[in-house]
Amino acid sequence: MSDHDALRLREAAHVSCEMVTVFSSEAGDRASSLEDDAACYGVDECRSLVEHLDVVALKIIQQVDGLSIETLRQRAALAESPVTSAET
């Protein structure tokens, strides 16, 4: 954002939108809004959206940090295991 290039910001938002939507619909919506706003209003008007998207992106990174296929398998197995009457 420091070079005030709205086209580059728009392109970066477009790429980000595709990536972050997989993890968060909120982040995808924000990135999509950023893409639209960069095209219509310019860089300065997008500053608050960029800051919010940064916060959401950091949350996503924290949530997936250390995530592995094995961890996902373990979570899936726990979710699929039947609940016994002693556990209820």
N, C-alpha and C. Protein backbone atom coordinates (compact mmCIF):
# COMPACT_ATOMS: atom_id res chain seq x y z
N MET A 1 0.81 -1.19 0.00
CA MET A 1 0.00 0.00 0.00
C MET A 1 0.85 1.26 0.00
N SER A 2 2.11 1.13 0.34
CA SER A 2 2.94 2.32 0.47
C SER A 2 3.19 3.03 -0.85
N ASP A 3 3.09 2.31 -1.97
CA ASP A 3 3.33 2.99 -3.25
C ASP A 3 2.04 3.49 -3.89
N HIS A 4 0.92 3.36 -3.20
CA HIS A 4 -0.38 3.86 -3.64
C HIS A 4 -0.77 3.34 -5.02
N ASP A 5 -0.48 2.09 -5.28
CA ASP A 5 -0.81 1.46 -6.55
C ASP A 5 -2.10 0.67 -6.39
N ALA A 6 -3.21 1.27 -6.79
CA ALA A 6 -4.53 0.64 -6.62
C ALA A 6 -4.66 -0.63 -7.44
N LEU A 7 -4.04 -0.68 -8.60
CA LEU A 7 -4.12 -1.87 -9.44
C LEU A 7 -3.43 -3.05 -8.76
N ARG A 8 -2.26 -2.82 -8.21
CA ARG A 8 -1.56 -3.91 -7.49
C ARG A 8 -2.33 -4.35 -6.26
N LEU A 9 -2.93 -3.40 -5.55
CA LEU A 9 -3.74 -3.74 -4.38
C LEU A 9 -4.93 -4.59 -4.80
N ARG A 10 -5.57 -4.20 -5.88
CA ARG A 10 -6.71 -4.96 -6.39
C ARG A 10 -6.32 -6.38 -6.77
N GLU A 11 -5.20 -6.52 -7.47
CA GLU A 11 -4.73 -7.84 -7.87
C GLU A 11 -4.36 -8.70 -6.66
N ALA A 12 -3.71 -8.10 -5.68
CA ALA A 12 -3.34 -8.83 -4.46
C ALA A 12 -4.59 -9.27 -3.71
N ALA A 13 -5.59 -8.40 -3.65
CA ALA A 13 -6.85 -8.75 -2.99
C ALA A 13 -7.54 -9.89 -3.72
N HIS A 14 -7.47 -9.90 -5.03
CA HIS A 14 -8.09 -10.96 -5.82
C HIS A 14 -7.45 -12.31 -5.50
N VAL A 15 -6.13 -12.35 -5.50
CA VAL A 15 -5.41 -13.59 -5.18
C VAL A 15 -5.69 -14.00 -3.74
N SER A 16 -5.68 -13.05 -2.83
CA SER A 16 -5.95 -13.34 -1.42
C SER A 16 -7.35 -13.89 -1.23
N CYS A 17 -8.30 -13.34 -1.95
CA CYS A 17 -9.68 -13.78 -1.83
C CYS A 17 -9.80 -15.27 -2.13
N GLU A 18 -9.17 -15.70 -3.18
CA GLU A 18 -9.22 -17.11 -3.55
C GLU A 18 -8.59 -18.00 -2.49
N MET A 19 -7.51 -17.54 -1.89
CA MET A 19 -6.81 -18.36 -0.89
C MET A 19 -7.52 -18.38 0.45
N VAL A 20 -7.94 -17.22 0.95
CA VAL A 20 -8.47 -17.16 2.30
C VAL A 20 -9.90 -17.66 2.41
N THR A 21 -10.64 -17.66 1.32
CA THR A 21 -12.02 -18.14 1.36
C THR A 21 -12.08 -19.60 1.78
N VAL A 22 -11.04 -20.36 1.47
CA VAL A 22 -10.97 -21.76 1.86
C VAL A 22 -11.03 -21.89 3.39
N PHE A 23 -10.45 -20.94 4.09
CA PHE A 23 -10.36 -21.00 5.54
C PHE A 23 -11.42 -20.18 6.26
N SER A 24 -11.87 -19.10 5.63
CA SER A 24 -12.79 -18.19 6.32
C SER A 24 -13.65 -17.44 5.31
N SER A 25 -14.96 -17.60 5.44
CA SER A 25 -15.85 -16.85 4.55
C SER A 25 -15.77 -15.36 4.85
N GLU A 26 -15.55 -15.01 6.13
CA GLU A 26 -15.41 -13.59 6.50
C GLU A 26 -14.19 -12.98 5.80
N ALA A 27 -13.07 -13.67 5.85
CA ALA A 27 -11.86 -13.17 5.20
C ALA A 27 -12.06 -13.08 3.69
N GLY A 28 -12.73 -14.06 3.11
CA GLY A 28 -13.01 -14.02 1.68
C GLY A 28 -13.88 -12.84 1.31
N ASP A 29 -14.90 -12.57 2.13
CA ASP A 29 -15.77 -11.42 1.88
C ASP A 29 -15.00 -10.11 1.98
N ARG A 30 -14.13 -10.01 2.98
CA ARG A 30 -13.32 -8.79 3.15
C ARG A 30 -12.37 -8.60 1.97
N ALA A 31 -11.73 -9.67 1.55
CA ALA A 31 -10.81 -9.57 0.42
C ALA A 31 -11.56 -9.19 -0.86
N SER A 32 -12.74 -9.72 -1.03
CA SER A 32 -13.56 -9.38 -2.20
C SER A 32 -13.96 -7.90 -2.16
N SER A 33 -14.34 -7.43 -0.98
CA SER A 33 -14.67 -6.01 -0.82
C SER A 33 -13.46 -5.13 -1.10
N LEU A 34 -12.31 -5.58 -0.62
CA LEU A 34 -11.07 -4.84 -0.86
C LEU A 34 -10.77 -4.75 -2.35
N GLU A 35 -10.95 -5.85 -3.04
CA GLU A 35 -10.73 -5.86 -4.49
C GLU A 35 -11.64 -4.85 -5.18
N ASP A 36 -12.92 -4.86 -4.82
CA ASP A 36 -13.88 -3.93 -5.42
C ASP A 36 -13.55 -2.48 -5.07
N ASP A 37 -13.27 -2.24 -3.80
CA ASP A 37 -13.00 -0.87 -3.36
C ASP A 37 -11.72 -0.31 -3.95
N ALA A 38 -10.70 -1.15 -4.10
CA ALA A 38 -9.45 -0.69 -4.71
C ALA A 38 -9.69 -0.26 -6.15
N ALA A 39 -10.57 -0.96 -6.85
CA ALA A 39 -10.88 -0.61 -8.23
C ALA A 39 -11.67 0.69 -8.32
N CYS A 40 -12.53 0.93 -7.35
CA CYS A 40 -13.43 2.09 -7.41
C CYS A 40 -12.90 3.34 -6.71
N TYR A 41 -12.24 3.15 -5.58
CA TYR A 41 -11.93 4.31 -4.73
C TYR A 41 -10.45 4.63 -4.59
N GLY A 42 -9.59 3.68 -4.78
CA GLY A 42 -8.18 3.93 -4.61
C GLY A 42 -7.65 3.38 -3.29
N VAL A 43 -6.37 3.48 -3.12
CA VAL A 43 -5.66 2.85 -2.01
C VAL A 43 -6.00 3.46 -0.65
N ASP A 44 -6.00 4.77 -0.56
CA ASP A 44 -6.20 5.40 0.75
C ASP A 44 -7.54 5.04 1.37
N GLU A 45 -8.55 4.91 0.56
CA GLU A 45 -9.88 4.58 1.06
C GLU A 45 -9.99 3.12 1.50
N CYS A 46 -9.02 2.32 1.16
CA CYS A 46 -9.03 0.88 1.49
C CYS A 46 -8.26 0.53 2.75
N ARG A 47 -7.65 1.50 3.36
CA ARG A 47 -6.76 1.24 4.49
C ARG A 47 -7.43 0.44 5.61
N SER A 48 -8.64 0.78 5.98
CA SER A 48 -9.29 0.07 7.09
C SER A 48 -9.61 -1.39 6.71
N LEU A 49 -9.97 -1.62 5.44
CA LEU A 49 -10.21 -3.00 4.99
C LEU A 49 -8.92 -3.81 5.02
N VAL A 50 -7.82 -3.22 4.62
CA VAL A 50 -6.53 -3.91 4.64
C VAL A 50 -6.16 -4.27 6.08
N GLU A 51 -6.35 -3.32 7.00
CA GLU A 51 -6.02 -3.58 8.40
C GLU A 51 -6.89 -4.70 8.97
N HIS A 52 -8.18 -4.69 8.64
CA HIS A 52 -9.06 -5.76 9.14
C HIS A 52 -8.68 -7.11 8.53
N LEU A 53 -8.37 -7.13 7.25
CA LEU A 53 -7.96 -8.37 6.60
C LEU A 53 -6.67 -8.90 7.20
N ASP A 54 -5.76 -8.01 7.58
CA ASP A 54 -4.53 -8.43 8.27
C ASP A 54 -4.85 -9.15 9.57
N VAL A 55 -5.79 -8.61 10.34
CA VAL A 55 -6.16 -9.23 11.62
C VAL A 55 -6.77 -10.60 11.39
N VAL A 56 -7.68 -10.70 10.43
CA VAL A 56 -8.33 -11.98 10.13
C VAL A 56 -7.30 -12.99 9.63
N ALA A 57 -6.38 -12.54 8.79
CA ALA A 57 -5.35 -13.44 8.26
C ALA A 57 -4.46 -13.97 9.38
N LEU A 58 -4.12 -13.13 10.34
CA LEU A 58 -3.31 -13.59 11.48
C LEU A 58 -4.06 -14.64 12.30
N LYS A 59 -5.37 -14.46 12.46
CA LYS A 59 -6.17 -15.45 13.19
C LYS A 59 -6.17 -16.79 12.45
N ILE A 60 -6.28 -16.73 11.13
CA ILE A 60 -6.25 -17.96 10.33
C ILE A 60 -4.91 -18.66 10.50
N ILE A 61 -3.83 -17.90 10.43
CA ILE A 61 -2.50 -18.47 10.58
C ILE A 61 -2.35 -19.14 11.94
N GLN A 62 -2.84 -18.49 12.99
CA GLN A 62 -2.76 -19.07 14.33
C GLN A 62 -3.55 -20.37 14.42
N GLN A 63 -4.69 -20.43 13.74
CA GLN A 63 -5.53 -21.62 13.81
C GLN A 63 -4.93 -22.80 13.06
N VAL A 64 -4.20 -22.55 11.99
CA VAL A 64 -3.65 -23.65 11.20
C VAL A 64 -2.20 -23.94 11.52
N ASP A 65 -1.60 -23.13 12.38
CA ASP A 65 -0.21 -23.36 12.76
C ASP A 65 -0.08 -24.72 13.43
N GLY A 66 0.79 -25.54 12.91
CA GLY A 66 1.01 -26.87 13.47
C GLY A 66 0.00 -27.91 13.01
N LEU A 67 -0.93 -27.52 12.18
CA LEU A 67 -1.92 -28.47 11.69
C LEU A 67 -1.25 -29.46 10.74
N SER A 68 -1.61 -30.72 10.88
CA SER A 68 -1.03 -31.75 10.02
C SER A 68 -2.13 -32.71 9.59
N ILE A 69 -1.83 -33.54 8.64
CA ILE A 69 -2.76 -34.56 8.19
C ILE A 69 -3.10 -35.49 9.35
N GLU A 70 -2.09 -35.85 10.13
CA GLU A 70 -2.31 -36.74 11.26
C GLU A 70 -3.26 -36.11 12.29
N THR A 71 -3.07 -34.84 12.58
CA THR A 71 -3.96 -34.15 13.51
C THR A 71 -5.39 -34.15 12.99
N LEU A 72 -5.55 -33.89 11.71
CA LEU A 72 -6.89 -33.90 11.11
C LEU A 72 -7.52 -35.29 11.18
N ARG A 73 -6.72 -36.31 10.95
CA ARG A 73 -7.22 -37.68 11.05
C ARG A 73 -7.68 -38.00 12.47
N GLN A 74 -6.89 -37.59 13.45
CA GLN A 74 -7.24 -37.83 14.84
C GLN A 74 -8.54 -37.12 15.21
N ARG A 75 -8.68 -35.87 14.77
CA ARG A 75 -9.90 -35.12 15.05
C ARG A 75 -11.11 -35.77 14.37
N ALA A 76 -10.93 -36.23 13.16
CA ALA A 76 -12.02 -36.89 12.44
C ALA A 76 -12.43 -38.17 13.15
N ALA A 77 -11.45 -38.94 13.61
CA ALA A 77 -11.74 -40.18 14.31
C ALA A 77 -12.51 -39.91 15.60
N LEU A 78 -12.11 -38.88 16.33
CA LEU A 78 -12.82 -38.52 17.56
C LEU A 78 -14.26 -38.09 17.27
N ALA A 79 -14.42 -37.35 16.20
CA ALA A 79 -15.76 -36.87 15.83
C ALA A 79 -16.67 -38.01 15.40
N GLU A 80 -16.09 -39.05 14.82
CA GLU A 80 -16.87 -40.19 14.34
C GLU A 80 -17.13 -41.23 15.41
N SER A 81 -16.38 -41.20 16.50
CA SER A 81 -16.55 -42.24 17.52
C SER A 81 -17.90 -42.07 18.20
N PRO A 82 -18.58 -43.21 18.43
CA PRO A 82 -19.91 -43.14 19.07
C PRO A 82 -19.79 -42.72 20.53
N VAL A 83 -20.79 -42.02 20.99
CA VAL A 83 -20.84 -41.61 22.38
C VAL A 83 -21.51 -42.72 23.19
N THR A 84 -20.84 -43.16 24.24
CA THR A 84 -21.40 -44.23 25.07
C THR A 84 -22.31 -43.62 26.13
N SER A 85 -23.15 -44.41 26.73
CA SER A 85 -24.08 -43.92 27.73
C SER A 85 -23.34 -43.38 28.96
N ALA A 86 -22.15 -43.86 29.23
CA ALA A 86 -21.37 -43.38 30.37
C ALA A 86 -20.86 -41.97 30.12
N GLU A 87 -20.71 -41.58 28.83
CA GLU A 87 -20.18 -40.26 28.50
C GLU A 87 -21.28 -39.21 28.46
N THR A 88 -22.52 -39.62 28.43
CA THR A 88 -23.60 -38.64 28.32
C THR A 88 -24.13 -38.22 29.64
